Amino acid sequence: MAGKIFYRERIKVGEKEKKPRFKLVAVADVNLKFHADHLKKRELEEIAAAVGADLVLLKAPQDGSVKDEEVEVE
């Protein structure tokens, strides 16, 4: 079974900005450490291909009701 890398689009970054647009959310069944929270789509695709994982895009709320600071991961 291939692992999964879950990511979502960042809320406060626009399309024209030269900042990474995606936020790493979770990794399942892959022995992998990330040293960055914000990545470019190309970087995510290369990492997933190298470790044999699938990328899963999570839908972020469009109204901005959830802030990055409010989400806790245990």
PDB file of N, CA and C in Angstrom:
ATOM      1  N   MET A   1       0.843  -1.184   0.000  1.00  0.00           N
ATOM      2  CA  MET A   1       0.000   0.000   0.000  1.00  0.00           C
ATOM      3  C   MET A   1       0.887   1.246   0.000  1.00  0.00           C
ATOM      4  N   ALA A   2       0.606   2.134  -0.907  1.00  0.00           N
ATOM      5  CA  ALA A   2       1.378   3.376  -1.002  1.00  0.00           C
ATOM      6  C   ALA A   2       0.973   4.322   0.120  1.00  0.00           C
ATOM      7  N   GLY A   3       1.924   5.082   0.610  1.00  0.00           N
ATOM      8  CA  GLY A   3       1.620   6.082   1.619  1.00  0.00           C
ATOM      9  C   GLY A   3       0.890   7.261   0.998  1.00  0.00           C
ATOM     10  N   LYS A   4       0.457   8.152   1.862  1.00  0.00           N
ATOM     11  CA  LYS A   4      -0.264   9.337   1.401  1.00  0.00           C
ATOM     12  C   LYS A   4       0.323  10.582   2.045  1.00  0.00           C
ATOM     13  N   ILE A   5       0.389  11.652   1.265  1.00  0.00           N
ATOM     14  CA  ILE A   5       0.818  12.956   1.753  1.00  0.00           C
ATOM     15  C   ILE A   5      -0.373  13.885   1.571  1.00  0.00           C
ATOM     16  N   PHE A   6      -0.875  14.421   2.680  1.00  0.00           N
ATOM     17  CA  PHE A   6      -2.038  15.299   2.653  1.00  0.00           C
ATOM     18  C   PHE A   6      -1.568  16.748   2.699  1.00  0.00           C
ATOM     19  N   TYR A   7      -2.119  17.565   1.827  1.00  0.00           N
ATOM     20  CA  TYR A   7      -1.745  18.975   1.772  1.00  0.00           C
ATOM     21  C   TYR A   7      -2.966  19.796   1.394  1.00  0.00           C
ATOM     22  N   ARG A   8      -2.879  21.103   1.632  1.00  0.00           N
ATOM     23  CA  ARG A   8      -3.961  22.011   1.235  1.00  0.00           C
ATOM     24  C   ARG A   8      -3.366  23.320   0.768  1.00  0.00           C
ATOM     25  N   GLU A   9      -4.192  24.095   0.075  1.00  0.00           N
ATOM     26  CA  GLU A   9      -3.750  25.400  -0.385  1.00  0.00           C
ATOM     27  C   GLU A   9      -3.769  26.373   0.794  1.00  0.00           C
ATOM     28  N   ARG A  10      -2.739  27.200   0.888  1.00  0.00           N
ATOM     29  CA  ARG A  10      -2.687  28.187   1.957  1.00  0.00           C
ATOM     30  C   ARG A  10      -3.717  29.275   1.703  1.00  0.00           C
ATOM     31  N   ILE A  11      -4.276  29.806   2.778  1.00  0.00           N
ATOM     32  CA  ILE A  11      -5.353  30.785   2.680  1.00  0.00           C
ATOM     33  C   ILE A  11      -4.833  32.178   2.356  1.00  0.00           C
ATOM     34  N   LYS A  12      -3.715  32.582   2.928  1.00  0.00           N
ATOM     35  CA  LYS A  12      -3.252  33.963   2.817  1.00  0.00           C
ATOM     36  C   LYS A  12      -2.264  34.212   1.683  1.00  0.00           C
ATOM     37  N   VAL A  13      -2.079  33.271   0.778  1.00  0.00           N
ATOM     38  CA  VAL A  13      -1.132  33.445  -0.317  1.00  0.00           C
ATOM     39  C   VAL A  13      -1.898  33.501  -1.626  1.00  0.00           C
ATOM     40  N   GLY A  14      -1.659  34.549  -2.393  1.00  0.00           N
ATOM     41  CA  GLY A  14      -2.324  34.717  -3.685  1.00  0.00           C
ATOM     42  C   GLY A  14      -1.579  33.998  -4.794  1.00  0.00           C
ATOM     43  N   GLU A  15      -2.170  33.947  -5.965  1.00  0.00           N
ATOM     44  CA  GLU A  15      -1.582  33.241  -7.102  1.00  0.00           C
ATOM     45  C   GLU A  15      -0.367  33.954  -7.672  1.00  0.00           C
ATOM     46  N   LYS A  16      -0.311  35.269  -7.584  1.00  0.00           N
ATOM     47  CA  LYS A  16       0.791  36.035  -8.179  1.00  0.00           C
ATOM     48  C   LYS A  16       2.010  36.136  -7.259  1.00  0.00           C
ATOM     49  N   GLU A  17       1.844  35.806  -5.986  1.00  0.00           N
ATOM     50  CA  GLU A  17       2.957  35.908  -5.045  1.00  0.00           C
ATOM     51  C   GLU A  17       3.964  34.793  -5.291  1.00  0.00           C
ATOM     52  N   LYS A  18       5.212  35.076  -5.001  1.00  0.00           N
ATOM     53  CA  LYS A  18       6.259  34.087  -5.206  1.00  0.00           C
ATOM     54  C   LYS A  18       6.581  33.378  -3.902  1.00  0.00           C
ATOM     55  N   LYS A  19       5.548  32.931  -3.219  1.00  0.00           N
ATOM     56  CA  LYS A  19       5.687  32.172  -1.983  1.00  0.00           C
ATOM     57  C   LYS A  19       5.087  30.794  -2.212  1.00  0.00           C
ATOM     58  N   PRO A  20       5.559  29.779  -1.486  1.00  0.00           N
ATOM     59  CA  PRO A  20       4.939  28.458  -1.625  1.00  0.00           C
ATOM     60  C   PRO A  20       3.447  28.527  -1.286  1.00  0.00           C
ATOM     61  N   ARG A  21       2.603  27.941  -2.142  1.00  0.00           N
ATOM     62  CA  ARG A  21       1.155  28.068  -1.989  1.00  0.00           C
ATOM     63  C   ARG A  21       0.516  26.944  -1.199  1.00  0.00           C
ATOM     64  N   PHE A  22       1.269  25.895  -0.864  1.00  0.00           N
ATOM     65  CA  PHE A  22       0.658  24.735  -0.238  1.00  0.00           C
ATOM     66  C   PHE A  22       1.222  24.476   1.147  1.00  0.00           C
ATOM     67  N   LYS A  23       0.354  24.017   2.041  1.00  0.00           N
ATOM     68  CA  LYS A  23       0.729  23.721   3.419  1.00  0.00           C
ATOM     69  C   LYS A  23       0.648  22.218   3.631  1.00  0.00           C
ATOM     70  N   LEU A  24       1.693  21.651   4.170  1.00  0.00           N
ATOM     71  CA  LEU A  24       1.708  20.233   4.498  1.00  0.00           C
ATOM     72  C   LEU A  24       0.817  20.003   5.708  1.00  0.00           C
ATOM     73  N   VAL A  25      -0.074  19.016   5.631  1.00  0.00           N
ATOM     74  CA  VAL A  25      -1.013  18.755   6.719  1.00  0.00           C
ATOM     75  C   VAL A  25      -0.658  17.462   7.446  1.00  0.00           C
ATOM     76  N   ALA A  26      -0.466  16.368   6.720  1.00  0.00           N
ATOM     77  CA  ALA A  26      -0.206  15.078   7.367  1.00  0.00           C
ATOM     78  C   ALA A  26       0.472  14.123   6.387  1.00  0.00           C
ATOM     79  N   VAL A  27       1.108  13.100   6.963  1.00  0.00           N
ATOM     80  CA  VAL A  27       1.738  12.046   6.182  1.00  0.00           C
ATOM     81  C   VAL A  27       1.314  10.717   6.793  1.00  0.00           C
ATOM     82  N   ALA A  28       0.870   9.766   5.952  1.00  0.00           N
ATOM     83  CA  ALA A  28       0.427   8.461   6.440  1.00  0.00           C
ATOM     84  C   ALA A  28       1.211   7.349   5.754  1.00  0.00           C
ATOM     85  N   ASP A  29       1.674   6.393   6.533  1.00  0.00           N
ATOM     86  CA  ASP A  29       2.358   5.186   6.040  1.00  0.00           C
ATOM     87  C   ASP A  29       3.597   5.466   5.209  1.00  0.00           C
ATOM     88  N   VAL A  30       4.295   6.546   5.516  1.00  0.00           N
ATOM     89  CA  VAL A  30       5.559   6.863   4.851  1.00  0.00           C
ATOM     90  C   VAL A  30       6.555   7.270   5.930  1.00  0.00           C
ATOM     91  N   ASN A  31       7.721   6.644   5.912  1.00  0.00           N
ATOM     92  CA  ASN A  31       8.763   6.996   6.864  1.00  0.00           C
ATOM     93  C   ASN A  31       9.512   8.199   6.295  1.00  0.00           C
ATOM     94  N   LEU A  32       9.044   9.396   6.665  1.00  0.00           N
ATOM     95  CA  LEU A  32       9.522  10.609   6.019  1.00  0.00           C
ATOM     96  C   LEU A  32       9.445  11.773   7.006  1.00  0.00           C
ATOM     97  N   LYS A  33      10.482  12.605   7.031  1.00  0.00           N
ATOM     98  CA  LYS A  33      10.478  13.818   7.844  1.00  0.00           C
ATOM     99  C   LYS A  33      10.477  15.023   6.917  1.00  0.00           C
ATOM    100  N   PHE A  34       9.624  15.994   7.223  1.00  0.00           N
ATOM    101  CA  PHE A  34       9.601  17.247   6.470  1.00  0.00           C
ATOM    102  C   PHE A  34      10.211  18.335   7.336  1.00  0.00           C
ATOM    103  N   HIS A  35      11.022  19.188   6.733  1.00  0.00           N
ATOM    104  CA  HIS A  35      11.633  20.299   7.448  1.00  0.00           C
ATOM    105  C   HIS A  35      11.017  21.625   7.036  1.00  0.00           C
ATOM    106  N   ALA A  36       9.945  21.578   6.257  1.00  0.00           N
ATOM    107  CA  ALA A  36       9.243  22.787   5.829  1.00  0.00           C
ATOM    108  C   ALA A  36       7.746  22.534   5.911  1.00  0.00           C
ATOM    109  N   ASP A  37       7.001  23.547   6.297  1.00  0.00           N
ATOM    110  CA  ASP A  37       5.547  23.431   6.339  1.00  0.00           C
ATOM    111  C   ASP A  37       4.911  23.899   5.035  1.00  0.00           C
ATOM    112  N   HIS A  38       5.553  24.844   4.364  1.00  0.00           N
ATOM    113  CA  HIS A  38       5.000  25.411   3.139  1.00  0.00           C
ATOM    114  C   HIS A  38       5.850  24.963   1.960  1.00  0.00           C
ATOM    115  N   LEU A  39       5.200  24.358   0.958  1.00  0.00           N
ATOM    116  CA  LEU A  39       5.919  23.810  -0.185  1.00  0.00           C
ATOM    117  C   LEU A  39       5.241  24.206  -1.487  1.00  0.00           C
ATOM    118  N   LYS A  40       5.992  24.155  -2.558  1.00  0.00           N
ATOM    119  CA  LYS A  40       5.441  24.371  -3.891  1.00  0.00           C
ATOM    120  C   LYS A  40       4.886  23.046  -4.406  1.00  0.00           C
ATOM    121  N   LYS A  41       3.927  23.117  -5.314  1.00  0.00           N
ATOM    122  CA  LYS A  41       3.290  21.910  -5.864  1.00  0.00           C
ATOM    123  C   LYS A  41       4.327  20.996  -6.514  1.00  0.00           C
ATOM    124  N   ARG A  42       5.255  21.582  -7.240  1.00  0.00           N
ATOM    125  CA  ARG A  42       6.306  20.809  -7.900  1.00  0.00           C
ATOM    126  C   ARG A  42       7.149  20.038  -6.882  1.00  0.00           C
ATOM    127  N   GLU A  43       7.456  20.681  -5.749  1.00  0.00           N
ATOM    128  CA  GLU A  43       8.235  20.032  -4.705  1.00  0.00           C
ATOM    129  C   GLU A  43       7.466  18.853  -4.099  1.00  0.00           C
ATOM    130  N   LEU A  44       6.169  19.056  -3.839  1.00  0.00           N
ATOM    131  CA  LEU A  44       5.346  17.967  -3.312  1.00  0.00           C
ATOM    132  C   LEU A  44       5.306  16.785  -4.283  1.00  0.00           C
ATOM    133  N   GLU A  45       5.143  17.071  -5.561  1.00  0.00           N
ATOM    134  CA  GLU A  45       5.078  16.008  -6.565  1.00  0.00           C
ATOM    135  C   GLU A  45       6.389  15.231  -6.649  1.00  0.00           C
ATOM    136  N   GLU A  46       7.523  15.931  -6.577  1.00  0.00           N
ATOM    137  CA  GLU A  46       8.821  15.261  -6.637  1.00  0.00           C
ATOM    138  C   GLU A  46       9.048  14.386  -5.415  1.00  0.00           C
ATOM    139  N   ILE A  47       8.692  14.875  -4.238  1.00  0.00           N
ATOM    140  CA  ILE A  47       8.847  14.099  -3.004  1.00  0.00           C
ATOM    141  C   ILE A  47       7.967  12.861  -3.051  1.00  0.00           C
ATOM    142  N   ALA A  48       6.714  13.022  -3.458  1.00  0.00           N
ATOM    143  CA  ALA A  48       5.785  11.898  -3.532  1.00  0.00           C
ATOM    144  C   ALA A  48       6.282  10.838  -4.517  1.00  0.00           C
ATOM    145  N   ALA A  49       6.799  11.275  -5.657  1.00  0.00           N
ATOM    146  CA  ALA A  49       7.309  10.324  -6.649  1.00  0.00           C
ATOM    147  C   ALA A  49       8.531   9.573  -6.122  1.00  0.00           C
ATOM    148  N   ALA A  50       9.388  10.259  -5.398  1.00  0.00           N
ATOM    149  CA  ALA A  50      10.613   9.640  -4.889  1.00  0.00           C
ATOM    150  C   ALA A  50      10.334   8.579  -3.825  1.00  0.00           C
ATOM    151  N   VAL A  51       9.300   8.775  -3.005  1.00  0.00           N
ATOM    152  CA  VAL A  51       9.003   7.823  -1.927  1.00  0.00           C
ATOM    153  C   VAL A  51       7.839   6.900  -2.275  1.00  0.00           C
ATOM    154  N   GLY A  52       7.232   7.081  -3.442  1.00  0.00           N
ATOM    155  CA  GLY A  52       6.127   6.229  -3.857  1.00  0.00           C
ATOM    156  C   GLY A  52       4.832   6.507  -3.123  1.00  0.00           C
ATOM    157  N   ALA A  53       4.577   7.755  -2.780  1.00  0.00           N
ATOM    158  CA  ALA A  53       3.361   8.131  -2.055  1.00  0.00           C
ATOM    159  C   ALA A  53       2.376   8.831  -2.986  1.00  0.00           C
ATOM    160  N   ASP A  54       1.116   8.817  -2.586  1.00  0.00           N
ATOM    161  CA  ASP A  54       0.075   9.535  -3.316  1.00  0.00           C
ATOM    162  C   ASP A  54      -0.142  10.895  -2.661  1.00  0.00           C
ATOM    163  N   LEU A  55      -0.428  11.905  -3.465  1.00  0.00           N
ATOM    164  CA  LEU A  55      -0.760  13.230  -2.951  1.00  0.00           C
ATOM    165  C   LEU A  55      -2.270  13.349  -2.827  1.00  0.00           C
ATOM    166  N   VAL A  56      -2.735  13.878  -1.683  1.00  0.00           N
ATOM    167  CA  VAL A  56      -4.161  14.078  -1.450  1.00  0.00           C
ATOM    168  C   VAL A  56      -4.365  15.555  -1.129  1.00  0.00           C
ATOM    169  N   LEU A  57      -5.102  16.253  -1.996  1.00  0.00           N
ATOM    170  CA  LEU A  57      -5.396  17.668  -1.793  1.00  0.00           C
ATOM    171  C   LEU A  57      -6.635  17.801  -0.916  1.00  0.00           C
ATOM    172  N   LEU A  58      -6.497  18.482   0.196  1.00  0.00           N
ATOM    173  CA  LEU A  58      -7.619  18.749   1.085  1.00  0.00           C
ATOM    174  C   LEU A  58      -8.232  20.087   0.714  1.00  0.00           C
ATOM    175  N   LYS A  59      -9.531  20.183   0.768  1.00  0.00           N
ATOM    176  CA  LYS A  59     -10.229  21.425   0.445  1.00  0.00           C
ATOM    177  C   LYS A  59     -10.200  22.356   1.646  1.00  0.00           C
ATOM    178  N   ALA A  60      -9.685  23.562   1.460  1.00  0.00           N
ATOM    179  CA  ALA A  60      -9.667  24.578   2.511  1.00  0.00           C
ATOM    180  C   ALA A  60     -10.942  25.404   2.399  1.00  0.00           C
ATOM    181  N   PRO A  61     -11.493  25.857   3.511  1.00  0.00           N
ATOM    182  CA  PRO A  61     -12.690  26.705   3.426  1.00  0.00           C
ATOM    183  C   PRO A  61     -12.374  28.012   2.707  1.00  0.00           C
ATOM    184  N   GLN A  62     -13.248  28.426   1.825  1.00  0.00           N
ATOM    185  CA  GLN A  62     -13.025  29.626   1.023  1.00  0.00           C
ATOM    186  C   GLN A  62     -13.317  30.914   1.784  1.00  0.00           C
ATOM    187  N   ASP A  63     -14.072  30.816   2.880  1.00  0.00           N
ATOM    188  CA  ASP A  63     -14.438  32.027   3.612  1.00  0.00           C
ATOM    189  C   ASP A  63     -13.390  32.444   4.639  1.00  0.00           C
ATOM    190  N   GLY A  64     -12.322  31.663   4.788  1.00  0.00           N
ATOM    191  CA  GLY A  64     -11.269  32.003   5.745  1.00  0.00           C
ATOM    192  C   GLY A  64     -11.669  31.772   7.185  1.00  0.00           C
ATOM    193  N   SER A  65     -12.655  30.895   7.426  1.00  0.00           N
ATOM    194  CA  SER A  65     -13.144  30.679   8.784  1.00  0.00           C
ATOM    195  C   SER A  65     -12.160  29.904   9.650  1.00  0.00           C
ATOM    196  N   VAL A  66     -11.233  29.167   9.055  1.00  0.00           N
ATOM    197  CA  VAL A  66     -10.246  28.416   9.809  1.00  0.00           C
ATOM    198  C   VAL A  66      -8.889  29.040   9.589  1.00  0.00           C
ATOM    199  N   LYS A  67      -8.221  29.410  10.661  1.00  0.00           N
ATOM    200  CA  LYS A  67      -6.877  29.984  10.594  1.00  0.00           C
ATOM    201  C   LYS A  67      -5.863  28.885  10.884  1.00  0.00           C
ATOM    202  N   ASP A  68      -4.616  29.034  10.389  1.00  0.00           N
ATOM    203  CA  ASP A  68      -3.574  28.052  10.629  1.00  0.00           C
ATOM    204  C   ASP A  68      -3.324  27.846  12.127  1.00  0.00           C
ATOM    205  N   GLU A  69      -3.463  28.901  12.929  1.00  0.00           N
ATOM    206  CA  GLU A  69      -3.175  28.807  14.351  1.00  0.00           C
ATOM    207  C   GLU A  69      -4.216  27.990  15.102  1.00  0.00           C
ATOM    208  N   GLU A  70      -5.409  27.820  14.548  1.00  0.00           N
ATOM    209  CA  GLU A  70      -6.493  27.137  15.239  1.00  0.00           C
ATOM    210  C   GLU A  70      -6.422  25.629  15.113  1.00  0.00           C
ATOM    211  N   VAL A  71      -5.647  25.097  14.185  1.00  0.00           N
ATOM    212  CA  VAL A  71      -5.611  23.679  13.936  1.00  0.00           C
ATOM    213  C   VAL A  71      -4.541  23.030  14.797  1.00  0.00           C
ATOM    214  N   GLU A  72      -4.933  22.000  15.562  1.00  0.00           N
ATOM    215  CA  GLU A  72      -3.974  21.272  16.398  1.00  0.00           C
ATOM    216  C   GLU A  72      -3.847  19.857  15.889  1.00  0.00           C
ATOM    217  N   VAL A  73      -2.640  19.343  15.829  1.00  0.00           N
ATOM    218  CA  VAL A  73      -2.383  17.977  15.420  1.00  0.00           C
ATOM    219  C   VAL A  73      -1.679  17.294  16.561  1.00  0.00           C
ATOM    220  N   GLU A  74      -2.185  16.133  16.926  1.00  0.00           N
ATOM    221  CA  GLU A  74      -1.561  15.370  18.026  1.00  0.00           C
ATOM    222  C   GLU A  74      -0.848  14.168  17.500  1.00  0.00           C
TER     223      GLU A  74
END
